Amino acid sequence: MYGWNDGMGLWGYVLMSISMVVVWGAIITGIVLLARSLRAPSPYGAHPQPPRMAEDVLAERFARGEIDAAEYQNRLAVLRGHPGT
C-alpha cells in the first residue's frame, strides 16, 4: 500500500556511506584548518635577521644623502679606530 517497503536498496546505502565520509572529511578538514590558523607562529620557523653593523648603517645614511662624503669618511675612520685621519 505504501510503495516504500523495499527499503533503500544497495545504491541508497552506498550513497549514504559516501556522503557520510564526505561530511566527516569536511568537518575534520575545517577543524584542522581552524587550529592551524589560530596557532601562534613558531619562533624556529623564521630565520632571525643578523644584527646590522655600524658601518652598514653609516653607508646607508651616506647613500640616502643624510651625510656628505667628508662626514662619512670621518665617521668611518672613528668606527675603525683611526680618528682624525
Protein backbone atom coordinates (compact mmCIF):
# COMPACT_ATOMS: atom_id res chain seq x y z
CA MET A 1 0.00 0.00 0.00
CA TYR A 2 2.77 2.47 0.82
CA GLY A 3 5.09 1.56 -2.03
CA TRP A 4 8.27 2.13 0.02
CA ASN A 5 8.50 -1.11 1.89
CA ASP A 6 11.55 -2.37 -0.03
CA GLY A 7 13.99 -0.14 1.93
CA MET A 8 16.76 1.96 0.44
CA GLY A 9 18.35 -0.74 -1.62
CA LEU A 10 22.04 -1.15 -2.33
CA TRP A 11 22.56 2.23 -4.00
CA GLY A 12 20.91 4.04 -1.13
CA TYR A 13 23.38 2.53 1.33
CA VAL A 14 26.34 3.25 -0.98
CA LEU A 15 25.36 6.90 -1.44
CA MET A 16 24.67 7.31 2.27
CA SER A 17 28.11 5.88 3.12
CA ILE A 18 29.89 8.10 0.61
CA SER A 19 28.07 11.22 1.78
CA MET A 20 28.87 10.40 5.42
CA VAL A 21 32.59 10.11 4.59
CA VAL A 22 32.49 13.42 2.68
CA VAL A 23 30.69 15.24 5.52
CA TRP A 24 33.07 13.94 8.21
CA GLY A 25 36.05 14.73 5.99
CA ALA A 26 34.82 18.31 5.58
CA ILE A 27 34.28 18.68 9.33
CA ILE A 28 37.75 17.33 10.19
CA THR A 29 39.39 19.47 7.50
CA GLY A 30 37.65 22.56 8.85
CA ILE A 31 38.80 21.83 12.40
CA VAL A 32 42.40 21.28 11.28
CA LEU A 33 42.47 24.48 9.22
CA LEU A 34 40.97 26.47 12.07
CA ALA A 35 43.51 25.08 14.54
CA ARG A 36 46.38 25.93 12.18
CA SER A 37 45.19 29.49 11.67
CA LEU A 38 44.83 30.10 15.42
CA ARG A 39 48.21 28.63 16.33
CA ALA A 40 50.95 31.13 17.11
CA PRO A 41 53.83 31.23 14.61
CA SER A 42 56.82 29.18 15.62
CA PRO A 43 59.95 31.13 16.57
CA TYR A 44 62.01 28.39 14.94
CA GLY A 45 60.31 28.78 11.55
CA ALA A 46 61.69 32.18 10.61
CA HIS A 47 65.39 32.94 10.49
CA PRO A 48 66.34 36.00 12.55
CA GLN A 49 67.98 38.87 10.73
CA PRO A 50 71.67 39.29 11.51
CA PRO A 51 72.45 42.41 13.53
CA ARG A 52 73.23 45.45 11.45
CA MET A 53 76.81 46.61 11.65
CA ALA A 54 77.56 50.26 12.37
CA GLU A 55 79.43 50.62 9.08
CA ASP A 56 76.38 49.33 7.18
CA VAL A 57 74.13 51.88 8.87
CA LEU A 58 76.64 54.62 8.10
CA ALA A 59 76.82 53.55 4.45
CA GLU A 60 73.01 53.59 4.20
CA ARG A 61 72.88 57.11 5.63
CA PHE A 62 75.50 58.23 3.12
CA ALA A 63 73.59 56.58 0.27
CA ARG A 64 70.37 58.34 1.31
CA GLY A 65 72.20 61.68 1.34
CA GLU A 66 71.81 62.32 5.06
CA ILE A 67 75.56 62.90 5.45
CA ASP A 68 78.18 64.15 2.99
CA ALA A 69 81.38 62.42 1.90
CA ALA A 70 83.65 64.19 4.40
CA GLU A 71 81.40 63.34 7.33
CA TYR A 72 81.11 59.76 6.06
CA GLN A 73 84.89 59.36 5.87
CA ASN A 74 85.37 60.95 9.31
CA ARG A 75 82.79 58.72 11.00
CA LEU A 76 84.06 55.63 9.20
CA ALA A 77 87.59 56.34 10.46
CA VAL A 78 86.26 56.72 14.02
CA LEU A 79 84.43 53.42 13.75
CA ARG A 80 87.54 51.66 12.51
CA GLY A 81 89.65 53.11 15.33
CA HIS A 82 91.58 55.73 13.36
CA PRO A 83 90.11 59.09 14.45
CA GLY A 84 91.47 62.26 12.86
CA THR A 85 92.64 60.70 9.61
